[in-house]
Amino acid sequence: MPLSVRVWTLPDRILERSIHRGLNQLIREARRQGLPTLGNVDEYDETRFTRMQMSALIPELQSLVQSNISEVADAATELLALGEQVRGGPHRYLVFIGD
């Protein structure tokens, strides 16, 4: 089952979601490149990033936007938009949902 990503906020509300087909490939490419934040997303469980952690995640996503693999670049672009929503207010999280 592919990864999905949600922008989640308290009290238990989903603001936005992504089910981009390139998310798993994006995580594998992040691992291949040794990206420490995105490379540690668990494809089989939940991985949650806070608003403060976005400062580490966003540069990694920006580097993947330059990927020669179009699905990785497209997924990274989509996640950057979700990341901006997380940074836009308190008690927001970017949550990767694995299989």
C-alpha atoms as a PDB file:
ATOM      1  CA  MET A   1       0.000   0.000   0.000  1.00  0.00           C
ATOM      2  CA  PRO A   2       1.418   3.408  -0.861  1.00  0.00           C
ATOM      3  CA  LEU A   3       2.178   6.173   1.587  1.00  0.00           C
ATOM      4  CA  SER A   4      -0.200   9.032   2.139  1.00  0.00           C
ATOM      5  CA  VAL A   5       0.442  12.360   3.835  1.00  0.00           C
ATOM      6  CA  ARG A   6      -1.869  14.566   5.859  1.00  0.00           C
ATOM      7  CA  VAL A   7      -1.746  18.006   7.354  1.00  0.00           C
ATOM      8  CA  TRP A   8      -3.281  17.313  10.727  1.00  0.00           C
ATOM      9  CA  THR A   9      -4.236  19.773  13.448  1.00  0.00           C
ATOM     10  CA  LEU A  10      -5.780  19.749  16.868  1.00  0.00           C
ATOM     11  CA  PRO A  11      -8.533  18.986  17.683  1.00  0.00           C
ATOM     12  CA  ASP A  12      -8.191  15.929  15.417  1.00  0.00           C
ATOM     13  CA  ARG A  13      -8.852  17.563  12.078  1.00  0.00           C
ATOM     14  CA  ILE A  14      -7.309  16.877   8.654  1.00  0.00           C
ATOM     15  CA  LEU A  15      -6.727  20.113   6.737  1.00  0.00           C
ATOM     16  CA  GLU A  16      -5.274  18.613   3.571  1.00  0.00           C
ATOM     17  CA  ARG A  17      -3.967  15.302   2.262  1.00  0.00           C
ATOM     18  CA  SER A  18      -1.793  13.850  -0.458  1.00  0.00           C
ATOM     19  CA  ILE A  19      -1.931  10.397  -1.969  1.00  0.00           C
ATOM     20  CA  HIS A  20       0.618  11.157  -4.683  1.00  0.00           C
ATOM     21  CA  ARG A  21       1.785   7.953  -6.327  1.00  0.00           C
ATOM     22  CA  GLY A  22       5.421   9.066  -6.093  1.00  0.00           C
ATOM     23  CA  LEU A  23       5.587   9.332  -2.284  1.00  0.00           C
ATOM     24  CA  ASN A  24       7.215   5.936  -1.719  1.00  0.00           C
ATOM     25  CA  GLN A  25       9.709   6.619  -4.482  1.00  0.00           C
ATOM     26  CA  LEU A  26      10.441  10.032  -2.913  1.00  0.00           C
ATOM     27  CA  ILE A  27      11.276   8.380   0.431  1.00  0.00           C
ATOM     28  CA  ARG A  28      13.520   5.825  -1.246  1.00  0.00           C
ATOM     29  CA  GLU A  29      15.327   8.593  -3.139  1.00  0.00           C
ATOM     30  CA  ALA A  30      15.756  10.570   0.103  1.00  0.00           C
ATOM     31  CA  ARG A  31      17.382   7.510   1.676  1.00  0.00           C
ATOM     32  CA  ARG A  32      19.605   7.003  -1.359  1.00  0.00           C
ATOM     33  CA  GLN A  33      20.781  10.612  -1.069  1.00  0.00           C
ATOM     34  CA  GLY A  34      21.306  10.325   2.684  1.00  0.00           C
ATOM     35  CA  LEU A  35      18.749  12.997   3.590  1.00  0.00           C
ATOM     36  CA  PRO A  36      18.434  12.628   7.373  1.00  0.00           C
ATOM     37  CA  THR A  37      14.903  13.884   7.969  1.00  0.00           C
ATOM     38  CA  LEU A  38      12.920  12.584   5.019  1.00  0.00           C
ATOM     39  CA  GLY A  39      15.080   9.478   4.795  1.00  0.00           C
ATOM     40  CA  ASN A  40      13.822   8.371   8.207  1.00  0.00           C
ATOM     41  CA  VAL A  41      10.140   8.272   7.279  1.00  0.00           C
ATOM     42  CA  ASP A  42       8.772   4.828   8.115  1.00  0.00           C
ATOM     43  CA  GLU A  43       6.930   3.462   5.079  1.00  0.00           C
ATOM     44  CA  TYR A  44       5.044   0.974   7.262  1.00  0.00           C
ATOM     45  CA  ASP A  45       3.961   3.157  10.171  1.00  0.00           C
ATOM     46  CA  GLU A  46       3.143   6.761  11.028  1.00  0.00           C
ATOM     47  CA  THR A  47       5.833   9.448  10.957  1.00  0.00           C
ATOM     48  CA  ARG A  48       4.877  12.886  12.257  1.00  0.00           C
ATOM     49  CA  PHE A  49       6.684  16.197  11.761  1.00  0.00           C
ATOM     50  CA  THR A  50       5.935  19.271  13.849  1.00  0.00           C
ATOM     51  CA  ARG A  51       5.913  22.843  12.652  1.00  0.00           C
ATOM     52  CA  MET A  52       9.410  23.292  14.107  1.00  0.00           C
ATOM     53  CA  GLN A  53      10.755  20.210  12.288  1.00  0.00           C
ATOM     54  CA  MET A  54       9.615  21.653   8.964  1.00  0.00           C
ATOM     55  CA  SER A  55      12.747  23.848   8.945  1.00  0.00           C
ATOM     56  CA  ALA A  56      14.799  20.650   8.468  1.00  0.00           C
ATOM     57  CA  LEU A  57      12.344  18.953   6.113  1.00  0.00           C
ATOM     58  CA  ILE A  58      11.723  21.814   3.655  1.00  0.00           C
ATOM     59  CA  PRO A  59      15.333  22.108   2.373  1.00  0.00           C
ATOM     60  CA  GLU A  60      15.357  18.364   1.741  1.00  0.00           C
ATOM     61  CA  LEU A  61      12.131  18.615  -0.233  1.00  0.00           C
ATOM     62  CA  GLN A  62      13.500  21.586  -2.174  1.00  0.00           C
ATOM     63  CA  SER A  63      16.529  19.527  -3.183  1.00  0.00           C
ATOM     64  CA  LEU A  64      14.259  16.705  -4.378  1.00  0.00           C
ATOM     65  CA  VAL A  65      12.234  19.108  -6.529  1.00  0.00           C
ATOM     66  CA  GLN A  66      15.375  19.194  -8.716  1.00  0.00           C
ATOM     67  CA  SER A  67      15.304  15.401  -9.154  1.00  0.00           C
ATOM     68  CA  ASN A  68      15.575  13.916 -12.637  1.00  0.00           C
ATOM     69  CA  ILE A  69      12.825  11.484 -11.619  1.00  0.00           C
ATOM     70  CA  SER A  70       9.601  13.313 -12.461  1.00  0.00           C
ATOM     71  CA  GLU A  71       7.422  11.491  -9.907  1.00  0.00           C
ATOM     72  CA  VAL A  72       9.873  12.353  -7.125  1.00  0.00           C
ATOM     73  CA  ALA A  73      10.009  16.006  -8.199  1.00  0.00           C
ATOM     74  CA  ASP A  74       6.207  16.206  -8.428  1.00  0.00           C
ATOM     75  CA  ALA A  75       5.701  14.574  -5.018  1.00  0.00           C
ATOM     76  CA  ALA A  76       8.285  16.915  -3.451  1.00  0.00           C
ATOM     77  CA  THR A  77       6.517  19.942  -4.930  1.00  0.00           C
ATOM     78  CA  GLU A  78       3.197  18.763  -3.523  1.00  0.00           C
ATOM     79  CA  LEU A  79       4.728  18.162  -0.087  1.00  0.00           C
ATOM     80  CA  LEU A  80       6.292  21.629  -0.073  1.00  0.00           C
ATOM     81  CA  ALA A  81       2.802  23.112  -0.394  1.00  0.00           C
ATOM     82  CA  LEU A  82       1.582  20.949   2.492  1.00  0.00           C
ATOM     83  CA  GLY A  83       4.624  21.982   4.515  1.00  0.00           C
ATOM     84  CA  GLU A  84       3.678  25.619   4.130  1.00  0.00           C
ATOM     85  CA  GLN A  85       0.267  24.816   5.608  1.00  0.00           C
ATOM     86  CA  VAL A  86       1.961  23.194   8.593  1.00  0.00           C
ATOM     87  CA  ARG A  87       4.132  26.256   9.097  1.00  0.00           C
ATOM     88  CA  GLY A  88       1.038  28.462   8.830  1.00  0.00           C
ATOM     89  CA  GLY A  89      -0.312  27.878  12.331  1.00  0.00           C
ATOM     90  CA  PRO A  90       0.187  26.288  15.723  1.00  0.00           C
ATOM     91  CA  HIS A  91      -0.636  22.660  16.513  1.00  0.00           C
ATOM     92  CA  ARG A  92      -0.216  21.501  12.919  1.00  0.00           C
ATOM     93  CA  TYR A  93       1.653  18.404  11.825  1.00  0.00           C
ATOM     94  CA  LEU A  94       2.752  16.794   8.572  1.00  0.00           C
ATOM     95  CA  VAL A  95       1.912  13.120   9.054  1.00  0.00           C
ATOM     96  CA  PHE A  96       3.118  10.334   6.779  1.00  0.00           C
ATOM     97  CA  ILE A  97       0.817   7.318   6.994  1.00  0.00           C
ATOM     98  CA  GLY A  98       2.443   4.039   6.012  1.00  0.00           C
ATOM     99  CA  ASP A  99       0.993   0.687   5.124  1.00  0.00           C
END
